[in-house]
Amino acid sequence: MLRRSVLAALAVILAAPLAATAQGLPDLAGRDIVVVTENAYPPLQFLDKSGAAVGWEYDAMAEIAKRLNANVTYQNISWDAMIPAVSEGQFDIGMTGITIRDDRREKVDFSDAYMRSEMVMLVRGDEARFSDAASFAANPDLLIAAQPGTTPFYVGVYEVLDGNEANPRIKLFETFGAGVAALRAGDVDLVLTDGTAGAGYVAASNGGLKIVGDKLGTEDFGFIFPKGSDLVAPVNAAIAAMQADGTLEALNTKWFLDYKMGE
């Protein structure tokens, strides 16, 4: 069954350009587009064992470029610098599992959502001191890892802890991967992440990680652009076509079900 599902997903991806042509997507005439990412948020984008940049977003962006007749190159930047850099026009598109939020819309334009996910609590596999947000908050010895300015940071502050953004129980890390490494090492006790990335980490951990408690909310991911970018409408058209013909679901199967991180 697994092999059959992979073959079916591949067939959908291979058939997608023909479907897109029939849908009359915009033709960008080979336009060069620079996309900036972080390569630190598996399985959306990360470096595999060989050092190659891979992930759901890379596959999606490659498919968007193919359908729109565009040429994409990639640059890397830290999360905290990404939105300002795109806002200033240093890059054409930003991608790193960016939650669509009104405060961010003041600085950048968003594509339509390409993925919806729910926030989950990622913990070590042997964690028994807490089982939900309330029991975590009740134990002052427990620590949470977060990247500053991210949705997990704000959920941790306002939905798990006390609303104090300077709470010393929040340990800040430059990348999401560094926070997960600290969790594994026992330096922190909780990482908040969207359900898709969390499921990927659990599947690859051989029992070293698990998810506990109820989901803490829903978030939609979108690509970001400089304000007023003429790329928003074409990219939205490509996303809609990929949703309609099953390509996005095929990518979900590839990266969240069939693929094991670290292999």
Protein backbone atom coordinates (compact mmCIF):
# COMPACT_ATOMS: atom_id res chain seq x y z
CA MET A 1 0.00 0.00 0.00
CA LEU A 2 2.81 2.42 0.87
CA ARG A 3 4.53 1.86 -2.48
CA ARG A 4 1.23 2.32 -4.26
CA SER A 5 0.59 5.61 -2.46
CA VAL A 6 4.06 6.89 -3.33
CA LEU A 7 3.55 6.00 -7.00
CA ALA A 8 0.17 7.70 -6.96
CA ALA A 9 1.67 10.84 -5.41
CA LEU A 10 4.45 10.85 -8.02
CA ALA A 11 1.90 10.50 -10.79
CA VAL A 12 0.03 13.54 -9.48
CA ILE A 13 3.21 15.61 -9.38
CA LEU A 14 4.27 14.58 -12.88
CA ALA A 15 0.82 15.34 -14.28
CA ALA A 16 0.57 18.74 -12.59
CA PRO A 17 2.28 20.91 -15.27
CA LEU A 18 -0.20 19.70 -17.89
CA ALA A 19 -3.11 20.55 -15.61
CA ALA A 20 -1.63 23.96 -14.88
CA THR A 21 -1.27 24.73 -18.59
CA ALA A 22 -4.94 23.95 -19.08
CA GLN A 23 -5.80 26.28 -16.22
CA GLY A 24 -4.03 29.19 -17.95
CA LEU A 25 -1.63 30.23 -15.20
CA PRO A 26 0.39 33.44 -15.67
CA ASP A 27 3.61 33.11 -17.68
CA LEU A 28 6.51 34.95 -16.03
CA ALA A 29 8.68 34.46 -19.13
CA GLY A 30 11.71 33.06 -17.34
CA ARG A 31 11.81 35.78 -14.69
CA ASP A 32 14.56 35.42 -12.07
CA ILE A 33 13.19 35.18 -8.53
CA VAL A 34 15.33 35.14 -5.37
CA VAL A 35 13.81 33.17 -2.49
CA VAL A 36 15.24 33.43 1.01
CA THR A 37 14.87 30.70 3.59
CA GLU A 38 16.38 29.48 6.85
CA ASN A 39 17.02 25.75 6.24
CA ALA A 40 16.23 25.10 9.88
CA TYR A 41 12.62 23.91 9.98
CA PRO A 42 12.24 20.28 8.92
CA PRO A 43 10.44 18.90 7.08
CA LEU A 44 9.54 22.23 5.42
CA GLN A 45 13.15 23.15 4.66
CA PHE A 46 16.42 21.77 6.06
CA LEU A 47 19.79 20.26 5.12
CA ASP A 48 19.84 16.49 4.71
CA LYS A 49 22.79 14.24 5.63
CA SER A 50 24.56 15.08 2.40
CA GLY A 51 24.18 18.82 3.03
CA ALA A 52 21.58 19.29 0.32
CA ALA A 53 18.77 21.76 0.94
CA VAL A 54 15.51 19.83 0.77
CA GLY A 55 11.96 19.86 2.10
CA TRP A 56 8.28 20.48 1.44
CA GLU A 57 8.73 24.16 0.68
CA TYR A 58 11.60 23.54 -1.76
CA ASP A 59 9.48 21.06 -3.69
CA ALA A 60 6.48 23.39 -3.64
CA MET A 61 8.52 26.39 -4.79
CA ALA A 62 10.13 24.36 -7.59
CA GLU A 63 6.66 23.34 -8.78
CA ILE A 64 5.39 26.92 -8.57
CA ALA A 65 8.38 28.13 -10.61
CA LYS A 66 7.80 25.43 -13.23
CA ARG A 67 4.12 26.27 -13.59
CA LEU A 68 4.80 30.02 -13.82
CA ASN A 69 7.86 29.72 -16.08
CA ALA A 70 10.19 31.37 -13.57
CA ASN A 71 13.80 30.75 -12.52
CA VAL A 72 14.30 30.48 -8.76
CA THR A 73 17.56 30.85 -6.82
CA TYR A 74 17.91 30.62 -3.04
CA GLN A 75 19.62 32.58 -0.30
CA ASN A 76 19.81 31.91 3.43
CA ILE A 77 19.17 34.20 6.38
CA SER A 78 18.26 33.86 10.05
CA TRP A 79 14.59 33.92 11.04
CA ASP A 80 14.79 37.20 12.95
CA ALA A 81 16.24 38.97 9.90
CA MET A 82 13.93 37.44 7.29
CA ILE A 83 10.80 39.58 7.50
CA PRO A 84 12.76 42.87 7.67
CA ALA A 85 14.94 41.80 4.72
CA VAL A 86 11.96 40.84 2.55
CA SER A 87 10.14 43.99 3.62
CA GLU A 88 13.11 46.06 2.44
CA GLY A 89 13.07 44.31 -0.95
CA GLN A 90 16.35 42.43 -0.50
CA PHE A 91 14.61 39.24 -1.64
CA ASP A 92 11.55 38.51 -3.77
CA ILE A 93 10.00 35.78 -1.59
CA GLY A 94 10.58 34.41 1.91
CA MET A 95 9.72 30.88 3.04
CA THR A 96 10.21 29.19 6.39
CA GLY A 97 6.82 28.05 7.68
CA ILE A 98 5.75 31.66 8.28
CA THR A 99 2.42 32.04 10.06
CA ILE A 100 0.05 34.49 8.39
CA ARG A 101 -0.61 37.23 10.96
CA ASP A 102 -2.07 40.71 10.77
CA ASP A 103 0.90 42.35 12.50
CA ARG A 104 3.23 40.87 9.88
CA ARG A 105 0.94 42.07 7.08
CA GLU A 106 1.95 45.59 8.07
CA LYS A 107 5.48 44.81 6.85
CA VAL A 108 5.09 42.23 4.08
CA ASP A 109 2.46 40.79 1.77
CA PHE A 110 1.46 37.14 2.18
CA SER A 111 0.47 34.52 -0.33
CA ASP A 112 -2.69 32.56 0.24
CA ALA A 113 -2.19 29.80 2.79
CA TYR A 114 -0.44 26.73 1.42
CA MET A 115 -0.71 24.72 4.64
CA ARG A 116 -2.76 24.73 7.83
CA SER A 117 -1.33 23.29 11.01
CA GLU A 118 -2.09 23.12 14.71
CA MET A 119 0.36 23.94 17.50
CA VAL A 120 1.50 20.96 19.57
CA MET A 121 3.71 20.34 22.62
CA LEU A 122 6.89 18.43 21.73
CA VAL A 123 8.65 16.77 24.68
CA ARG A 124 11.16 14.02 25.39
CA GLY A 125 9.86 10.50 25.02
CA ASP A 126 10.22 9.74 28.74
CA GLU A 127 8.59 12.96 29.98
CA ALA A 128 6.20 12.22 32.87
CA ARG A 129 6.22 15.45 34.91
CA PHE A 130 3.51 17.16 32.85
CA SER A 131 0.94 16.15 30.28
CA ASP A 132 -0.61 19.43 29.13
CA ALA A 133 -0.11 23.19 29.14
CA ALA A 134 -1.62 23.68 32.60
CA SER A 135 0.60 21.13 34.32
CA PHE A 136 3.66 22.53 32.54
CA ALA A 137 2.85 26.06 33.68
CA ALA A 138 2.27 24.88 37.26
CA ASN A 139 5.84 23.60 37.65
CA PRO A 140 8.26 26.57 37.90
CA ASP A 141 11.28 24.34 37.24
CA LEU A 142 10.21 23.52 33.68
CA LEU A 143 11.64 25.45 30.75
CA ILE A 144 10.43 26.09 27.21
CA ALA A 145 12.56 26.73 24.11
CA ALA A 146 11.51 29.27 21.47
CA GLN A 147 12.78 31.49 18.69
CA PRO A 148 12.05 35.15 19.46
CA GLY A 149 9.28 36.69 17.40
CA THR A 150 7.81 33.39 16.23
CA THR A 151 4.30 32.06 16.71
CA PRO A 152 5.54 29.35 19.12
CA PHE A 153 7.16 32.09 21.21
CA TYR A 154 3.91 34.04 21.54
CA VAL A 155 1.83 30.92 22.16
CA GLY A 156 4.29 29.92 24.87
CA VAL A 157 4.11 33.34 26.48
CA TYR A 158 0.37 33.97 26.29
CA GLU A 159 -1.26 30.54 26.16
CA VAL A 160 1.10 28.40 28.23
CA LEU A 161 2.77 30.80 30.67
CA ASP A 162 1.80 34.12 32.24
CA GLY A 163 1.93 36.65 29.41
CA ASN A 164 5.34 37.99 30.42
CA GLU A 165 7.56 38.01 27.34
CA ALA A 166 10.62 38.29 29.58
CA ASN A 167 9.68 35.23 31.65
CA PRO A 168 12.99 33.48 32.49
CA ARG A 169 11.33 30.12 31.87
CA ILE A 170 11.51 30.87 28.14
CA LYS A 171 14.94 30.08 26.73
CA LEU A 172 15.61 31.72 23.39
CA PHE A 173 17.38 30.00 20.51
CA GLU A 174 18.41 31.31 17.11
CA THR A 175 16.96 28.35 15.21
CA PHE A 176 14.15 25.88 15.75
CA GLY A 177 16.60 22.99 15.40
CA ALA A 178 18.75 24.37 18.22
CA GLY A 179 15.70 24.39 20.50
CA VAL A 180 14.93 20.75 19.66
CA ALA A 181 18.58 19.83 20.32
CA ALA A 182 18.32 21.51 23.73
CA LEU A 183 15.15 19.53 24.42
CA ARG A 184 16.88 16.26 23.57
CA ALA A 185 19.84 17.22 25.78
CA GLY A 186 17.58 18.00 28.75
CA ASP A 187 18.42 21.71 28.80
CA VAL A 188 14.75 22.60 28.24
CA ASP A 189 11.58 20.60 28.72
CA LEU A 190 9.21 21.73 25.99
CA VAL A 191 9.24 22.93 22.39
CA LEU A 192 6.10 24.24 20.74
CA THR A 193 5.78 23.57 17.04
CA ASP A 194 3.17 23.13 14.35
CA GLY A 195 1.78 19.64 14.14
CA THR A 196 3.39 18.84 10.81
CA ALA A 197 6.96 19.52 11.92
CA GLY A 198 6.26 17.94 15.31
CA ALA A 199 5.04 14.72 13.70
CA GLY A 200 8.15 14.62 11.55
CA TYR A 201 10.47 14.96 14.55
CA VAL A 202 8.59 12.29 16.51
CA ALA A 203 8.67 9.85 13.59
CA ALA A 204 12.43 10.29 13.21
CA SER A 205 13.26 10.11 16.94
CA ASN A 206 12.92 6.36 17.57
CA GLY A 207 10.94 7.06 20.71
CA GLY A 208 13.13 9.94 21.86
CA LEU A 209 10.37 12.51 21.38
CA LYS A 210 6.60 12.57 21.71
CA ILE A 211 3.67 14.98 21.60
CA VAL A 212 1.52 15.58 24.69
CA GLY A 213 -1.58 17.57 25.58
CA ASP A 214 -4.24 19.19 23.47
CA LYS A 215 -3.51 21.23 20.38
CA LEU A 216 -3.05 24.90 21.25
CA GLY A 217 -4.38 26.56 18.14
CA THR A 218 -4.45 26.68 14.39
CA GLU A 219 -2.03 28.51 12.12
CA ASP A 220 -1.89 29.05 8.37
CA PHE A 221 1.47 29.21 6.57
CA GLY A 222 2.17 31.52 3.65
CA PHE A 223 5.07 32.81 1.56
CA ILE A 224 6.03 36.45 2.14
CA PHE A 225 6.77 39.21 -0.40
CA PRO A 226 7.74 42.89 -0.30
CA LYS A 227 4.64 45.07 0.00
CA GLY A 228 2.96 45.55 -3.38
CA SER A 229 4.86 42.71 -5.07
CA ASP A 230 3.48 41.69 -8.46
CA LEU A 231 4.42 38.08 -7.67
CA VAL A 232 1.63 37.58 -5.12
CA ALA A 233 -1.16 37.01 -7.65
CA PRO A 234 0.77 34.55 -9.87
CA VAL A 235 1.98 32.55 -6.85
CA ASN A 236 -1.56 32.47 -5.46
CA ALA A 237 -2.81 31.17 -8.80
CA ALA A 238 -0.19 28.40 -8.75
CA ILE A 239 -1.03 27.47 -5.15
CA ALA A 240 -4.73 27.23 -6.05
CA ALA A 241 -3.94 24.99 -9.03
CA MET A 242 -1.71 22.75 -6.92
CA GLN A 243 -4.43 22.48 -4.29
CA ALA A 244 -7.04 21.62 -6.92
CA ASP A 245 -5.06 18.89 -8.67
CA GLY A 246 -3.75 17.18 -5.52
CA THR A 247 -0.12 18.29 -5.72
CA LEU A 248 -0.11 19.87 -2.25
CA GLU A 249 -1.57 16.72 -0.73
CA ALA A 250 1.05 14.65 -2.56
CA LEU A 251 3.77 16.80 -1.00
CA ASN A 252 2.19 16.28 2.43
CA THR A 253 2.32 12.52 1.89
CA LYS A 254 5.94 12.66 0.74
CA TRP A 255 7.29 14.83 3.56
CA PHE A 256 5.03 14.04 6.52
CA LEU A 257 4.24 10.36 5.99
CA ASP A 258 6.78 8.68 3.71
CA TYR A 259 9.96 10.61 4.46
CA LYS A 260 12.01 10.01 7.60
CA MET A 261 14.25 12.91 8.56
CA GLY A 262 17.89 12.01 8.91
CA GLU A 263 17.80 9.27 6.28
